[in-house]
Amino acid sequence: AQFTEGAIRTPASIGTGMRELIAAFTSYQNQCRFCTQAHAAAASELLGDEELVWGALRDLESSKLGAPEKALLRFVAKVTNAAAGVSAADVETVRAAGWNDEAIYYAITVCALFNFYNRWISATGVPEMSAEAHRLQGQKLAGHGYLRGEKK
């Protein structure tokens, strides 16, 4: 919980809503329905636009995300699906889209973390929740973060 809190909620040049979208996007790439729904709900709360979030998950290129956000999510997709092929040129493409090294660091960290979580959730058989339960969980994550009863 502390690592997730730090990766997603630490003040940084990349907003919390975008980091939740990266968690949902990575999870969608990995076909982890539980994490996709949970983090899409949190991203929707933080970004204030459920249509934007689901549009980016289902069809990034035709979504209403801006060009910098699309470039970052393309990079996240490559880290998820072809990590061995990620190169300095890929990082430079993300920089050229307007993201600084701190934002890229957090994008990679959230992506890597959710690649782990997706595999763990899928392999251990964590059961599905209702759409309403995910929506409520998303509100809680957006408002309070990942630490339960611990001081931040």
C-alpha atoms as a PDB file:
ATOM      1  CA  ALA A   1       0.000   0.000   0.000  1.00  0.00           C
ATOM      2  CA  GLN A   2       2.830   2.409   0.817  1.00  0.00           C
ATOM      3  CA  PHE A   3       4.596   1.745  -2.483  1.00  0.00           C
ATOM      4  CA  THR A   4       1.365   2.207  -4.441  1.00  0.00           C
ATOM      5  CA  GLU A   5       0.606   5.388  -2.497  1.00  0.00           C
ATOM      6  CA  GLY A   6       4.033   6.734  -3.366  1.00  0.00           C
ATOM      7  CA  ALA A   7       3.883   5.744  -7.022  1.00  0.00           C
ATOM      8  CA  ILE A   8       0.435   7.185  -7.647  1.00  0.00           C
ATOM      9  CA  ARG A   9      -0.152   9.904  -5.078  1.00  0.00           C
ATOM     10  CA  THR A  10       3.198  11.585  -4.422  1.00  0.00           C
ATOM     11  CA  PRO A  11       3.071  15.163  -5.698  1.00  0.00           C
ATOM     12  CA  ALA A  12       4.833  15.159  -9.062  1.00  0.00           C
ATOM     13  CA  SER A  13       4.893  16.722 -12.510  1.00  0.00           C
ATOM     14  CA  ILE A  14       2.488  13.996 -13.664  1.00  0.00           C
ATOM     15  CA  GLY A  15      -0.903  14.233 -12.017  1.00  0.00           C
ATOM     16  CA  THR A  16      -2.536  11.584  -9.883  1.00  0.00           C
ATOM     17  CA  GLY A  17      -5.385  11.228 -12.393  1.00  0.00           C
ATOM     18  CA  MET A  18      -2.947  10.439 -15.186  1.00  0.00           C
ATOM     19  CA  ARG A  19      -1.141   7.914 -12.998  1.00  0.00           C
ATOM     20  CA  GLU A  20      -4.471   6.216 -12.232  1.00  0.00           C
ATOM     21  CA  LEU A  21      -5.147   6.190 -15.978  1.00  0.00           C
ATOM     22  CA  ILE A  22      -1.757   4.529 -16.530  1.00  0.00           C
ATOM     23  CA  ALA A  23      -2.726   1.883 -13.946  1.00  0.00           C
ATOM     24  CA  ALA A  24      -6.037   1.295 -15.741  1.00  0.00           C
ATOM     25  CA  PHE A  25      -4.404   1.360 -19.194  1.00  0.00           C
ATOM     26  CA  THR A  26      -1.724  -1.154 -18.176  1.00  0.00           C
ATOM     27  CA  SER A  27      -4.408  -3.359 -16.642  1.00  0.00           C
ATOM     28  CA  TYR A  28      -6.536  -3.124 -19.787  1.00  0.00           C
ATOM     29  CA  GLN A  29      -3.520  -4.146 -21.900  1.00  0.00           C
ATOM     30  CA  ASN A  30      -3.090  -7.163 -19.600  1.00  0.00           C
ATOM     31  CA  GLN A  31      -6.802  -8.026 -19.682  1.00  0.00           C
ATOM     32  CA  CYS A  32      -7.073  -7.724 -15.894  1.00  0.00           C
ATOM     33  CA  ARG A  33     -10.709  -6.726 -15.517  1.00  0.00           C
ATOM     34  CA  PHE A  34     -10.529  -6.186 -11.764  1.00  0.00           C
ATOM     35  CA  CYS A  35      -7.676  -3.659 -11.897  1.00  0.00           C
ATOM     36  CA  THR A  36      -8.949  -2.053 -15.108  1.00  0.00           C
ATOM     37  CA  GLN A  37     -12.318  -1.312 -13.555  1.00  0.00           C
ATOM     38  CA  ALA A  38     -10.917  -0.227 -10.177  1.00  0.00           C
ATOM     39  CA  HIS A  39      -8.376   2.196 -11.596  1.00  0.00           C
ATOM     40  CA  ALA A  40     -10.569   3.432 -14.434  1.00  0.00           C
ATOM     41  CA  ALA A  41     -13.072   4.407 -11.745  1.00  0.00           C
ATOM     42  CA  ALA A  42     -10.381   6.258  -9.772  1.00  0.00           C
ATOM     43  CA  ALA A  43      -9.046   7.947 -12.927  1.00  0.00           C
ATOM     44  CA  SER A  44     -12.584   8.982 -13.884  1.00  0.00           C
ATOM     45  CA  GLU A  45     -13.060  10.582 -10.468  1.00  0.00           C
ATOM     46  CA  LEU A  46      -9.746  12.413 -10.585  1.00  0.00           C
ATOM     47  CA  LEU A  47      -9.945  13.498 -14.219  1.00  0.00           C
ATOM     48  CA  GLY A  48     -13.664  14.234 -14.028  1.00  0.00           C
ATOM     49  CA  ASP A  49     -14.429  12.421 -17.260  1.00  0.00           C
ATOM     50  CA  GLU A  50     -15.419   8.755 -17.433  1.00  0.00           C
ATOM     51  CA  GLU A  51     -15.863   8.913 -21.226  1.00  0.00           C
ATOM     52  CA  LEU A  52     -12.301  10.177 -21.645  1.00  0.00           C
ATOM     53  CA  VAL A  53     -10.910   7.337 -19.534  1.00  0.00           C
ATOM     54  CA  TRP A  54     -12.828   4.533 -21.237  1.00  0.00           C
ATOM     55  CA  GLY A  55     -12.193   6.077 -24.655  1.00  0.00           C
ATOM     56  CA  ALA A  56      -8.445   5.966 -23.983  1.00  0.00           C
ATOM     57  CA  LEU A  57      -8.638   2.368 -22.799  1.00  0.00           C
ATOM     58  CA  ARG A  58     -10.696   1.088 -25.706  1.00  0.00           C
ATOM     59  CA  ASP A  59      -9.134   3.078 -28.566  1.00  0.00           C
ATOM     60  CA  LEU A  60      -6.276   5.346 -27.577  1.00  0.00           C
ATOM     61  CA  GLU A  61      -5.767   6.897 -30.996  1.00  0.00           C
ATOM     62  CA  SER A  62      -9.365   8.055 -31.444  1.00  0.00           C
ATOM     63  CA  SER A  63      -9.797   9.075 -27.791  1.00  0.00           C
ATOM     64  CA  LYS A  64     -10.104  12.704 -26.778  1.00  0.00           C
ATOM     65  CA  LEU A  65      -6.845  12.618 -24.824  1.00  0.00           C
ATOM     66  CA  GLY A  66      -4.294  15.202 -25.855  1.00  0.00           C
ATOM     67  CA  ALA A  67      -1.242  14.344 -27.947  1.00  0.00           C
ATOM     68  CA  PRO A  68       1.167  14.340 -24.952  1.00  0.00           C
ATOM     69  CA  GLU A  69      -1.029  11.899 -23.007  1.00  0.00           C
ATOM     70  CA  LYS A  70      -1.384   9.623 -26.032  1.00  0.00           C
ATOM     71  CA  ALA A  71       2.402   9.584 -26.492  1.00  0.00           C
ATOM     72  CA  LEU A  72       2.880   8.620 -22.854  1.00  0.00           C
ATOM     73  CA  LEU A  73       0.284   5.833 -23.040  1.00  0.00           C
ATOM     74  CA  ARG A  74       1.845   4.500 -26.262  1.00  0.00           C
ATOM     75  CA  PHE A  75       5.106   4.285 -24.325  1.00  0.00           C
ATOM     76  CA  VAL A  76       3.335   2.521 -21.433  1.00  0.00           C
ATOM     77  CA  ALA A  77       1.867   0.027 -23.915  1.00  0.00           C
ATOM     78  CA  LYS A  78       5.350  -0.736 -25.219  1.00  0.00           C
ATOM     79  CA  VAL A  79       6.722  -1.153 -21.683  1.00  0.00           C
ATOM     80  CA  THR A  80       3.856  -3.571 -20.966  1.00  0.00           C
ATOM     81  CA  ASN A  81       3.846  -5.536 -24.209  1.00  0.00           C
ATOM     82  CA  ALA A  82       7.443  -5.366 -25.464  1.00  0.00           C
ATOM     83  CA  ALA A  83       9.673  -4.233 -22.608  1.00  0.00           C
ATOM     84  CA  ALA A  84      12.806  -5.752 -24.124  1.00  0.00           C
ATOM     85  CA  GLY A  85      12.367  -3.473 -27.138  1.00  0.00           C
ATOM     86  CA  VAL A  86      12.105  -0.204 -25.193  1.00  0.00           C
ATOM     87  CA  SER A  87      14.948   2.066 -26.250  1.00  0.00           C
ATOM     88  CA  ALA A  88      16.386   5.494 -25.565  1.00  0.00           C
ATOM     89  CA  ALA A  89      14.574   6.644 -28.707  1.00  0.00           C
ATOM     90  CA  ASP A  90      11.252   5.655 -27.116  1.00  0.00           C
ATOM     91  CA  VAL A  91      12.056   7.732 -24.046  1.00  0.00           C
ATOM     92  CA  GLU A  92      13.118  10.632 -26.262  1.00  0.00           C
ATOM     93  CA  THR A  93       9.764  10.463 -28.076  1.00  0.00           C
ATOM     94  CA  VAL A  94       7.985  10.860 -24.726  1.00  0.00           C
ATOM     95  CA  ARG A  95      10.265  13.778 -23.795  1.00  0.00           C
ATOM     96  CA  ALA A  96       9.568  15.407 -27.168  1.00  0.00           C
ATOM     97  CA  ALA A  97       5.839  15.139 -26.401  1.00  0.00           C
ATOM     98  CA  GLY A  98       6.422  17.356 -23.348  1.00  0.00           C
ATOM     99  CA  TRP A  99       7.013  14.951 -20.461  1.00  0.00           C
ATOM    100  CA  ASN A 100       9.985  15.465 -18.171  1.00  0.00           C
ATOM    101  CA  ASP A 101      12.135  12.721 -16.675  1.00  0.00           C
ATOM    102  CA  GLU A 102      10.207  12.746 -13.387  1.00  0.00           C
ATOM    103  CA  ALA A 103       6.921  12.119 -15.207  1.00  0.00           C
ATOM    104  CA  ILE A 104       8.509   9.350 -17.268  1.00  0.00           C
ATOM    105  CA  TYR A 105       9.910   7.779 -14.085  1.00  0.00           C
ATOM    106  CA  TYR A 106       6.449   7.742 -12.484  1.00  0.00           C
ATOM    107  CA  ALA A 107       4.838   6.400 -15.663  1.00  0.00           C
ATOM    108  CA  ILE A 108       7.332   3.527 -15.788  1.00  0.00           C
ATOM    109  CA  THR A 109       6.942   2.862 -12.063  1.00  0.00           C
ATOM    110  CA  VAL A 110       3.135   2.729 -12.180  1.00  0.00           C
ATOM    111  CA  CYS A 111       3.230   0.617 -15.333  1.00  0.00           C
ATOM    112  CA  ALA A 112       5.687  -1.871 -13.804  1.00  0.00           C
ATOM    113  CA  LEU A 113       3.754  -2.014 -10.548  1.00  0.00           C
ATOM    114  CA  PHE A 114       0.494  -2.777 -12.342  1.00  0.00           C
ATOM    115  CA  ASN A 115       2.103  -5.385 -14.555  1.00  0.00           C
ATOM    116  CA  PHE A 116       2.944  -7.122 -11.265  1.00  0.00           C
ATOM    117  CA  TYR A 117      -0.506  -6.529  -9.730  1.00  0.00           C
ATOM    118  CA  ASN A 118      -2.318  -7.705 -12.871  1.00  0.00           C
ATOM    119  CA  ARG A 119      -0.471 -10.977 -12.910  1.00  0.00           C
ATOM    120  CA  TRP A 120      -0.966 -11.496  -9.178  1.00  0.00           C
ATOM    121  CA  ILE A 121      -4.699 -10.642  -9.306  1.00  0.00           C
ATOM    122  CA  SER A 122      -5.290 -12.859 -12.347  1.00  0.00           C
ATOM    123  CA  ALA A 123      -3.249 -15.822 -11.093  1.00  0.00           C
ATOM    124  CA  THR A 124      -4.770 -15.829  -7.606  1.00  0.00           C
ATOM    125  CA  GLY A 125      -8.335 -15.565  -8.878  1.00  0.00           C
ATOM    126  CA  VAL A 126      -9.399 -12.363  -7.136  1.00  0.00           C
ATOM    127  CA  PRO A 127     -13.165 -12.298  -7.762  1.00  0.00           C
ATOM    128  CA  GLU A 128     -14.940  -9.680  -9.824  1.00  0.00           C
ATOM    129  CA  MET A 129     -16.842  -6.895  -8.118  1.00  0.00           C
ATOM    130  CA  SER A 130     -19.954  -5.146  -9.346  1.00  0.00           C
ATOM    131  CA  ALA A 131     -19.655  -1.970 -11.401  1.00  0.00           C
ATOM    132  CA  GLU A 132     -21.125  -0.068  -8.460  1.00  0.00           C
ATOM    133  CA  ALA A 133     -18.542  -1.521  -6.062  1.00  0.00           C
ATOM    134  CA  HIS A 134     -15.758  -0.458  -8.433  1.00  0.00           C
ATOM    135  CA  ARG A 135     -17.271   3.028  -8.725  1.00  0.00           C
ATOM    136  CA  LEU A 136     -17.363   3.380  -4.937  1.00  0.00           C
ATOM    137  CA  GLN A 137     -13.837   2.011  -4.624  1.00  0.00           C
ATOM    138  CA  GLY A 138     -12.696   4.508  -7.264  1.00  0.00           C
ATOM    139  CA  GLN A 139     -14.204   7.369  -5.274  1.00  0.00           C
ATOM    140  CA  LYS A 140     -12.439   6.155  -2.139  1.00  0.00           C
ATOM    141  CA  LEU A 141      -9.077   5.765  -3.895  1.00  0.00           C
ATOM    142  CA  ALA A 142      -9.411   9.176  -5.527  1.00  0.00           C
ATOM    143  CA  GLY A 143     -10.304  10.863  -2.254  1.00  0.00           C
ATOM    144  CA  HIS A 144      -8.210   9.008   0.283  1.00  0.00           C
ATOM    145  CA  GLY A 145      -5.484   7.071  -1.500  1.00  0.00           C
ATOM    146  CA  TYR A 146      -4.140   3.641  -0.735  1.00  0.00           C
ATOM    147  CA  LEU A 147      -3.227   3.783   2.935  1.00  0.00           C
ATOM    148  CA  ARG A 148      -5.917   2.383   5.183  1.00  0.00           C
ATOM    149  CA  GLY A 149      -5.816   3.863   8.638  1.00  0.00           C
ATOM    150  CA  GLU A 150      -2.139   4.781   8.262  1.00  0.00           C
ATOM    151  CA  LYS A 151      -0.834   8.309   8.386  1.00  0.00           C
ATOM    152  CA  LYS A 152       0.394   9.612   5.077  1.00  0.00           C
END
